[in-house]
PDB file of N, CA and C in Angstrom:
ATOM      1  N   GLY A   1      90.012  89.565 119.376  1.00  0.00           N
ATOM      2  CA  GLY A   1      90.403  90.366 118.267  1.00  0.00           C
ATOM      3  C   GLY A   1      89.367  90.347 117.154  1.00  0.00           C
ATOM      4  N   ILE A   2      89.871  90.556 115.991  1.00  0.00           N
ATOM      5  CA  ILE A   2      89.024  90.667 114.805  1.00  0.00           C
ATOM      6  C   ILE A   2      88.254  89.378 114.548  1.00  0.00           C
ATOM      7  N   ALA A   3      88.932  88.244 114.619  1.00  0.00           N
ATOM      8  CA  ALA A   3      88.266  86.967 114.324  1.00  0.00           C
ATOM      9  C   ALA A   3      87.105  86.716 115.277  1.00  0.00           C
ATOM     10  N   GLY A   4      87.300  86.998 116.558  1.00  0.00           N
ATOM     11  CA  GLY A   4      86.239  86.804 117.535  1.00  0.00           C
ATOM     12  C   GLY A   4      85.062  87.729 117.295  1.00  0.00           C
ATOM     13  N   ALA A   5      85.353  88.974 116.972  1.00  0.00           N
ATOM     14  CA  ALA A   5      84.287  89.934 116.693  1.00  0.00           C
ATOM     15  C   ALA A   5      83.494  89.517 115.466  1.00  0.00           C
ATOM     16  N   ARG A   6      84.182  89.121 114.419  1.00  0.00           N
ATOM     17  CA  ARG A   6      83.496  88.698 113.191  1.00  0.00           C
ATOM     18  C   ARG A   6      82.668  87.436 113.442  1.00  0.00           C
ATOM     19  N   ALA A   7      83.217  86.503 114.222  1.00  0.00           N
ATOM     20  CA  ALA A   7      82.484  85.275 114.543  1.00  0.00           C
ATOM     21  C   ALA A   7      81.207  85.575 115.320  1.00  0.00           C
ATOM     22  N   ALA A   8      81.218  86.664 116.079  1.00  0.00           N
ATOM     23  CA  ALA A   8      80.046  87.078 116.845  1.00  0.00           C
ATOM     24  C   ALA A   8      79.096  87.943 116.022  1.00  0.00           C
ATOM     25  N   GLY A   9      79.418  88.145 114.744  1.00  0.00           N
ATOM     26  CA  GLY A   9      78.558  88.934 113.872  1.00  0.00           C
ATOM     27  C   GLY A   9      78.773  90.431 113.978  1.00  0.00           C
ATOM     28  N   MET A  10      79.869  90.827 114.590  1.00  0.00           N
ATOM     29  CA  MET A  10      80.152  92.251 114.760  1.00  0.00           C
ATOM     30  C   MET A  10      80.930  92.799 113.570  1.00  0.00           C
ATOM     31  N   ARG A  11      80.758  94.078 113.333  1.00  0.00           N
ATOM     32  CA  ARG A  11      81.546  94.771 112.321  1.00  0.00           C
ATOM     33  C   ARG A  11      82.799  95.304 112.996  1.00  0.00           C
ATOM     34  N   VAL A  12      83.902  95.339 112.259  1.00  0.00           N
ATOM     35  CA  VAL A  12      85.187  95.701 112.858  1.00  0.00           C
ATOM     36  C   VAL A  12      85.805  96.887 112.135  1.00  0.00           C
ATOM     37  N   ILE A  13      86.243  97.863 112.921  1.00  0.00           N
ATOM     38  CA  ILE A  13      87.020  98.991 112.422  1.00  0.00           C
ATOM     39  C   ILE A  13      88.431  98.828 112.976  1.00  0.00           C
ATOM     40  N   GLY A  14      89.411  98.709 112.101  1.00  0.00           N
ATOM     41  CA  GLY A  14      90.797  98.623 112.534  1.00  0.00           C
ATOM     42  C   GLY A  14      91.335 100.005 112.863  1.00  0.00           C
ATOM     43  N   PHE A  15      92.367 100.047 113.701  1.00  0.00           N
ATOM     44  CA  PHE A  15      92.982 101.316 114.102  1.00  0.00           C
ATOM     45  C   PHE A  15      94.493 101.188 114.014  1.00  0.00           C
ATOM     46  N   THR A  16      95.113 102.108 113.257  1.00  0.00           N
ATOM     47  CA  THR A  16      96.565 102.055 113.075  1.00  0.00           C
ATOM     48  C   THR A  16      97.267 103.296 113.601  1.00  0.00           C
ATOM     49  N   GLY A  17      96.629 104.038 114.474  1.00  0.00           N
ATOM     50  CA  GLY A  17      97.205 105.293 114.934  1.00  0.00           C
ATOM     51  C   GLY A  17      98.043 105.205 116.190  1.00  0.00           C
ATOM     52  N   ALA A  18      98.317 104.021 116.671  1.00  0.00           N
ATOM     53  CA  ALA A  18      99.081 103.874 117.913  1.00  0.00           C
ATOM     54  C   ALA A  18     100.535 103.509 117.622  1.00  0.00           C
ATOM     55  N   GLY A  19     101.328 103.499 118.656  1.00  0.00           N
ATOM     56  CA  GLY A  19     102.746 103.218 118.514  1.00  0.00           C
ATOM     57  C   GLY A  19     103.062 101.808 118.058  1.00  0.00           C
ATOM     58  N   HIS A  20     102.122 100.878 118.214  1.00  0.00           N
ATOM     59  CA  HIS A  20     102.372  99.496 117.804  1.00  0.00           C
ATOM     60  C   HIS A  20     102.147  99.274 116.309  1.00  0.00           C
ATOM     61  N   SER A  21     101.699 100.288 115.601  1.00  0.00           N
ATOM     62  CA  SER A  21     101.425 100.154 114.173  1.00  0.00           C
ATOM     63  C   SER A  21     102.725 100.059 113.380  1.00  0.00           C
ATOM     64  N   TYR A  22     102.650  99.451 112.216  1.00  0.00           N
ATOM     65  CA  TYR A  22     103.828  99.218 111.379  1.00  0.00           C
ATOM     66  C   TYR A  22     103.417  99.312 109.914  1.00  0.00           C
ATOM     67  N   PRO A  23     104.373  99.464 108.999  1.00  0.00           N
ATOM     68  CA  PRO A  23     104.022  99.497 107.574  1.00  0.00           C
ATOM     69  C   PRO A  23     103.272  98.216 107.191  1.00  0.00           C
ATOM     70  N   GLY A  24     102.163  98.386 106.513  1.00  0.00           N
ATOM     71  CA  GLY A  24     101.348  97.245 106.107  1.00  0.00           C
ATOM     72  C   GLY A  24     100.317  96.819 107.141  1.00  0.00           C
ATOM     73  N   HIS A  25     100.273  97.511 108.279  1.00  0.00           N
ATOM     74  CA  HIS A  25      99.344  97.149 109.349  1.00  0.00           C
ATOM     75  C   HIS A  25      97.886  97.246 108.885  1.00  0.00           C
ATOM     76  N   ALA A  26      97.550  98.304 108.170  1.00  0.00           N
ATOM     77  CA  ALA A  26      96.173  98.463 107.689  1.00  0.00           C
ATOM     78  C   ALA A  26      95.786  97.303 106.783  1.00  0.00           C
ATOM     79  N   ASP A  27      96.687  96.900 105.907  1.00  0.00           N
ATOM     80  CA  ASP A  27      96.407  95.756 105.030  1.00  0.00           C
ATOM     81  C   ASP A  27      96.208  94.484 105.845  1.00  0.00           C
ATOM     82  N   ALA A  28      97.038  94.290 106.865  1.00  0.00           N
ATOM     83  CA  ALA A  28      96.914  93.100 107.708  1.00  0.00           C
ATOM     84  C   ALA A  28      95.574  93.082 108.434  1.00  0.00           C
ATOM     85  N   LEU A  29      95.136  94.235 108.921  1.00  0.00           N
ATOM     86  CA  LEU A  29      93.846  94.315 109.605  1.00  0.00           C
ATOM     87  C   LEU A  29      92.696  94.015 108.647  1.00  0.00           C
ATOM     88  N   THR A  30      92.778  94.546 107.445  1.00  0.00           N
ATOM     89  CA  THR A  30      91.743  94.291 106.442  1.00  0.00           C
ATOM     90  C   THR A  30      91.717  92.814 106.067  1.00  0.00           C
ATOM     91  N   GLU A  31      92.885  92.241 105.846  1.00  0.00           N
ATOM     92  CA  GLU A  31      92.961  90.816 105.512  1.00  0.00           C
ATOM     93  C   GLU A  31      92.428  89.942 106.642  1.00  0.00           C
ATOM     94  N   ALA A  32      92.570  90.408 107.879  1.00  0.00           N
ATOM     95  CA  ALA A  32      92.075  89.657 109.033  1.00  0.00           C
ATOM     96  C   ALA A  32      90.563  89.784 109.202  1.00  0.00           C
ATOM     97  N   GLY A  33      89.947  90.746 108.481  1.00  0.00           N
ATOM     98  CA  GLY A  33      88.501  90.874 108.531  1.00  0.00           C
ATOM     99  C   GLY A  33      87.963  92.226 108.934  1.00  0.00           C
ATOM    100  N   ALA A  34      88.830  93.194 109.191  1.00  0.00           N
ATOM    101  CA  ALA A  34      88.334  94.539 109.496  1.00  0.00           C
ATOM    102  C   ALA A  34      87.636  95.101 108.262  1.00  0.00           C
ATOM    103  N   GLU A  35      86.485  95.693 108.472  1.00  0.00           N
ATOM    104  CA  GLU A  35      85.714  96.240 107.351  1.00  0.00           C
ATOM    105  C   GLU A  35      86.364  97.499 106.791  1.00  0.00           C
ATOM    106  N   THR A  36      86.973  98.269 107.657  1.00  0.00           N
ATOM    107  CA  THR A  36      87.686  99.478 107.276  1.00  0.00           C
ATOM    108  C   THR A  36      88.735  99.758 108.341  1.00  0.00           C
ATOM    109  N   VAL A  37      89.636 100.681 108.057  1.00  0.00           N
ATOM    110  CA  VAL A  37      90.719 101.009 108.987  1.00  0.00           C
ATOM    111  C   VAL A  37      90.841 102.525 109.089  1.00  0.00           C
ATOM    112  N   ILE A  38      91.012 103.015 110.310  1.00  0.00           N
ATOM    113  CA  ILE A  38      91.235 104.442 110.527  1.00  0.00           C
ATOM    114  C   ILE A  38      92.617 104.650 111.144  1.00  0.00           C
ATOM    115  N   ARG A  39      93.161 105.868 110.958  1.00  0.00           N
ATOM    116  CA  ARG A  39      94.477 106.206 111.518  1.00  0.00           C
ATOM    117  C   ARG A  39      94.376 107.137 112.712  1.00  0.00           C
ATOM    118  N   ARG A  40      93.261 107.849 112.839  1.00  0.00           N
ATOM    119  CA  ARG A  40      93.087 108.827 113.919  1.00  0.00           C
ATOM    120  C   ARG A  40      91.707 108.637 114.558  1.00  0.00           C
ATOM    121  N   TRP A  41      91.659 108.820 115.877  1.00  0.00           N
ATOM    122  CA  TRP A  41      90.371 108.699 116.562  1.00  0.00           C
ATOM    123  C   TRP A  41      89.372 109.720 116.033  1.00  0.00           C
ATOM    124  N   ALA A  42      89.856 110.851 115.540  1.00  0.00           N
ATOM    125  CA  ALA A  42      88.962 111.873 114.993  1.00  0.00           C
ATOM    126  C   ALA A  42      88.170 111.357 113.795  1.00  0.00           C
ATOM    127  N   GLU A  43      88.631 110.285 113.178  1.00  0.00           N
ATOM    128  CA  GLU A  43      87.938 109.694 112.029  1.00  0.00           C
ATOM    129  C   GLU A  43      86.800 108.762 112.448  1.00  0.00           C
ATOM    130  N   LEU A  44      86.737 108.416 113.735  1.00  0.00           N
ATOM    131  CA  LEU A  44      85.791 107.389 114.176  1.00  0.00           C
ATOM    132  C   LEU A  44      84.333 107.776 113.949  1.00  0.00           C
ATOM    133  N   ASN A  45      83.927 108.984 114.336  1.00  0.00           N
ATOM    134  CA  ASN A  45      82.516 109.364 114.186  1.00  0.00           C
ATOM    135  C   ASN A  45      82.067 109.317 112.736  1.00  0.00           C
ATOM    136  N   GLY A  46      82.872 109.837 111.829  1.00  0.00           N
ATOM    137  CA  GLY A  46      82.517 109.794 110.413  1.00  0.00           C
ATOM    138  C   GLY A  46      82.458 108.373 109.882  1.00  0.00           C
ATOM    139  N   THR A  47      83.361 107.538 110.358  1.00  0.00           N
ATOM    140  CA  THR A  47      83.377 106.139 109.931  1.00  0.00           C
ATOM    141  C   THR A  47      82.142 105.410 110.439  1.00  0.00           C
ATOM    142  N   LEU A  48      81.769 105.655 111.687  1.00  0.00           N
ATOM    143  CA  LEU A  48      80.559 105.036 112.226  1.00  0.00           C
ATOM    144  C   LEU A  48      79.322 105.483 111.448  1.00  0.00           C
ATOM    145  N   ALA A  49      79.267 106.758 111.095  1.00  0.00           N
ATOM    146  CA  ALA A  49      78.140 107.257 110.302  1.00  0.00           C
ATOM    147  C   ALA A  49      78.106 106.578 108.940  1.00  0.00           C
ATOM    148  N   ALA A  50      79.268 106.421 108.317  1.00  0.00           N
ATOM    149  CA  ALA A  50      79.329 105.761 107.012  1.00  0.00           C
ATOM    150  C   ALA A  50      78.910 104.301 107.130  1.00  0.00           C
ATOM    151  N   LEU A  51      79.363 103.608 108.169  1.00  0.00           N
ATOM    152  CA  LEU A  51      78.963 102.215 108.358  1.00  0.00           C
ATOM    153  C   LEU A  51      77.459 102.105 108.547  1.00  0.00           C
ATOM    154  N   SER A  52      76.880 103.062 109.246  1.00  0.00           N
ATOM    155  CA  SER A  52      75.436 103.069 109.439  1.00  0.00           C
ATOM    156  C   SER A  52      74.720 103.213 108.102  1.00  0.00           C
ATOM    157  N   GLU A  53      75.219 104.105 107.249  1.00  0.00           N
ATOM    158  CA  GLU A  53      74.623 104.279 105.922  1.00  0.00           C
ATOM    159  C   GLU A  53      74.790 103.016 105.092  1.00  0.00           C
ATOM    160  N   TRP A  54      75.966 102.395 105.167  1.00  0.00           N
ATOM    161  CA  TRP A  54      76.201 101.165 104.399  1.00  0.00           C
ATOM    162  C   TRP A  54      75.243 100.070 104.851  1.00  0.00           C
ATOM    163  N   SER A  55      74.903 100.034 106.146  1.00  0.00           N
ATOM    164  CA  SER A  55      73.973  99.033 106.659  1.00  0.00           C
ATOM    165  C   SER A  55      72.582  99.268 106.107  1.00  0.00           C
ATOM    166  N   GLU A  56      72.183 100.531 106.049  1.00  0.00           N
ATOM    167  CA  GLU A  56      70.848 100.864 105.569  1.00  0.00           C
ATOM    168  C   GLU A  56      70.704 100.589 104.081  1.00  0.00           C
ATOM    169  N   ASP A  57      71.809 100.706 103.338  1.00  0.00           N
ATOM    170  CA  ASP A  57      71.764 100.474 101.901  1.00  0.00           C
ATOM    171  C   ASP A  57      71.742  98.992 101.560  1.00  0.00           C
ATOM    172  N   ALA A  58      72.168  98.157 102.478  1.00  0.00           N
ATOM    173  CA  ALA A  58      72.283  96.716 102.202  1.00  0.00           C
ATOM    174  C   ALA A  58      70.936  96.051 102.157  1.00  0.00           C
TER     175      ALA A  58
END
């Protein structure tokens, strides 16, 4: 999960668009270490582009 990915130095995007999602799920994912959270797969490409820009700015 998130902890393993972060421990490996990976960036994490949380996803709350599935049936297992619940109120407060996005907050829980962020608190667990997700850098950002999306609700729809259609948001993934834009989010990846934004993460790439954030990396270049760092």
